[in-house]
Amino acid sequence: MKTSSAKQKGRRFQQEVRDTLLEVGCGLEPDDIRSASMGAYGEDILFSPAARKQFPFSIECKNVEKLSIWRCIDQARSNAPEGTTPMVAFTRNREVPHVAMPMEEFIKIYKVYLDAQKD
């Protein structure tokens, strides 16, 4: 695959992640969650302060057939601003997207889900 095609594939996935977050974000505007330009240093998904309050995660997006998950996690960690949780969103051709995040953060989210089920 040509480099330009690979970047376009990655850009489409970043935009898909951004669009999904905007769909579930409470009262967020399109400018609140943006896809970073390809090759830019730092987070792949950029958040306004309002969006960051709702979503305290730093996302590294990968759309590749073969993934070195530990390299991706290291990249997410190094790009994560202070106070955010690093997360890797990844997919490959003909697959649904997945996320990898620290287990303790997943457990926090799951506990919130369980508490909401009690109501």
Protein backbone atom coordinates (compact mmCIF):
# COMPACT_ATOMS: atom_id res chain seq x y z
CA MET A 1 0.00 0.00 0.00
CA LYS A 2 1.29 3.46 -0.88
CA THR A 3 2.09 5.80 1.98
CA SER A 4 -0.59 8.25 0.84
CA SER A 5 -3.21 5.46 0.82
CA ALA A 6 -2.17 4.32 4.29
CA LYS A 7 -2.46 7.88 5.62
CA GLN A 8 -5.87 8.28 4.01
CA LYS A 9 -7.00 5.00 5.62
CA GLY A 10 -5.77 6.23 9.01
CA ARG A 11 -7.42 9.63 8.53
CA ARG A 12 -10.78 7.98 7.75
CA PHE A 13 -10.57 5.95 10.97
CA GLN A 14 -9.68 9.01 13.05
CA GLN A 15 -12.69 10.80 11.58
CA GLU A 16 -14.90 7.78 12.32
CA VAL A 17 -13.77 7.82 15.97
CA ARG A 18 -14.36 11.59 16.15
CA ASP A 19 -17.85 11.25 14.62
CA THR A 20 -18.78 8.45 17.01
CA LEU A 21 -17.70 10.52 20.03
CA LEU A 22 -19.66 13.54 18.77
CA GLU A 23 -22.78 11.36 18.45
CA VAL A 24 -22.65 10.38 22.12
CA GLY A 25 -21.24 13.65 23.53
CA CYS A 26 -23.80 15.59 25.49
CA GLY A 27 -24.24 19.02 23.93
CA LEU A 28 -20.87 19.03 22.17
CA GLU A 29 -20.31 20.97 18.96
CA PRO A 30 -18.28 19.67 15.99
CA ASP A 31 -15.42 22.00 16.99
CA ASP A 32 -15.23 20.34 20.42
CA ILE A 33 -13.76 17.10 19.05
CA ARG A 34 -11.40 17.22 16.08
CA SER A 35 -9.24 14.77 14.18
CA ALA A 36 -5.56 15.80 14.21
CA SER A 37 -3.74 16.15 10.92
CA MET A 38 -1.83 13.09 9.82
CA GLY A 39 1.76 13.08 10.98
CA ALA A 40 1.13 15.67 13.68
CA TYR A 41 2.78 14.98 17.02
CA GLY A 42 0.49 14.23 19.94
CA GLU A 43 -3.02 12.97 20.30
CA ASP A 44 -4.93 11.75 17.24
CA ILE A 45 -8.22 13.11 18.56
CA LEU A 46 -8.18 16.67 19.91
CA PHE A 47 -10.64 17.82 22.57
CA SER A 48 -11.84 21.26 23.65
CA PRO A 49 -11.90 21.86 27.42
CA ALA A 50 -15.67 21.15 27.46
CA ALA A 51 -15.19 17.86 25.63
CA ARG A 52 -12.25 16.87 27.83
CA LYS A 53 -14.50 17.16 30.91
CA GLN A 54 -16.85 14.60 29.37
CA PHE A 55 -14.13 12.38 27.95
CA PRO A 56 -10.92 12.26 30.01
CA PHE A 57 -9.12 9.90 27.63
CA SER A 58 -6.30 10.43 25.15
CA ILE A 59 -6.84 8.41 21.99
CA GLU A 60 -4.26 6.90 19.66
CA CYS A 61 -5.97 5.62 16.49
CA LYS A 62 -4.62 2.74 14.41
CA ASN A 63 -6.11 1.27 11.24
CA VAL A 64 -3.65 -1.45 10.24
CA GLU A 65 -3.70 -5.15 9.44
CA LYS A 66 -0.92 -6.03 11.88
CA LEU A 67 -0.72 -4.17 15.16
CA SER A 68 2.01 -4.07 17.77
CA ILE A 69 -0.31 -3.29 20.67
CA TRP A 70 2.48 -2.53 23.15
CA ARG A 71 4.07 0.01 20.78
CA CYS A 72 0.68 1.62 20.34
CA ILE A 73 0.09 1.72 24.10
CA ASP A 74 3.52 3.30 24.61
CA GLN A 75 2.70 5.91 21.96
CA ALA A 76 -0.67 6.63 23.59
CA ARG A 77 1.02 7.00 26.99
CA SER A 78 3.67 9.38 25.68
CA ASN A 79 1.06 11.55 23.91
CA ALA A 80 -1.47 11.63 26.75
CA PRO A 81 -1.80 15.00 28.47
CA GLU A 82 -1.56 15.01 32.25
CA GLY A 83 -4.80 13.89 33.88
CA THR A 84 -6.00 11.82 30.92
CA THR A 85 -6.08 8.06 30.43
CA PRO A 86 -4.28 6.71 27.35
CA MET A 87 -6.47 4.63 25.05
CA VAL A 88 -5.79 2.90 21.74
CA ALA A 89 -8.65 2.68 19.23
CA PHE A 90 -7.82 0.17 16.54
CA THR A 91 -9.31 -1.66 13.61
CA ARG A 92 -8.36 -3.41 10.41
CA ASN A 93 -10.12 -4.14 7.14
CA ARG A 94 -13.59 -5.64 7.58
CA GLU A 95 -13.44 -5.50 11.39
CA VAL A 96 -15.33 -3.46 13.95
CA PRO A 97 -13.24 -0.98 15.95
CA HIS A 98 -11.88 -2.00 19.35
CA VAL A 99 -10.25 -0.12 22.21
CA ALA A 100 -7.45 -0.97 24.61
CA MET A 101 -7.17 0.87 27.90
CA PRO A 102 -5.88 0.22 31.42
CA MET A 103 -7.99 -2.38 33.24
CA GLU A 104 -8.50 -0.13 36.27
CA GLU A 105 -10.13 2.51 34.05
CA PHE A 106 -12.38 -0.09 32.45
CA ILE A 107 -13.46 -1.27 35.93
CA LYS A 108 -14.33 2.33 36.90
CA ILE A 109 -16.52 2.63 33.80
CA TYR A 110 -18.11 -0.75 34.46
CA LYS A 111 -18.95 0.24 38.06
CA VAL A 112 -20.70 3.38 36.77
CA TYR A 113 -22.64 1.18 34.36
CA LEU A 114 -23.64 -1.21 37.17
CA ASP A 115 -24.74 1.71 39.39
CA ALA A 116 -26.89 3.06 36.55
CA GLN A 117 -28.55 -0.35 36.18
CA LYS A 118 -29.69 -0.23 39.82
CA ASP A 119 -31.79 2.90 39.22
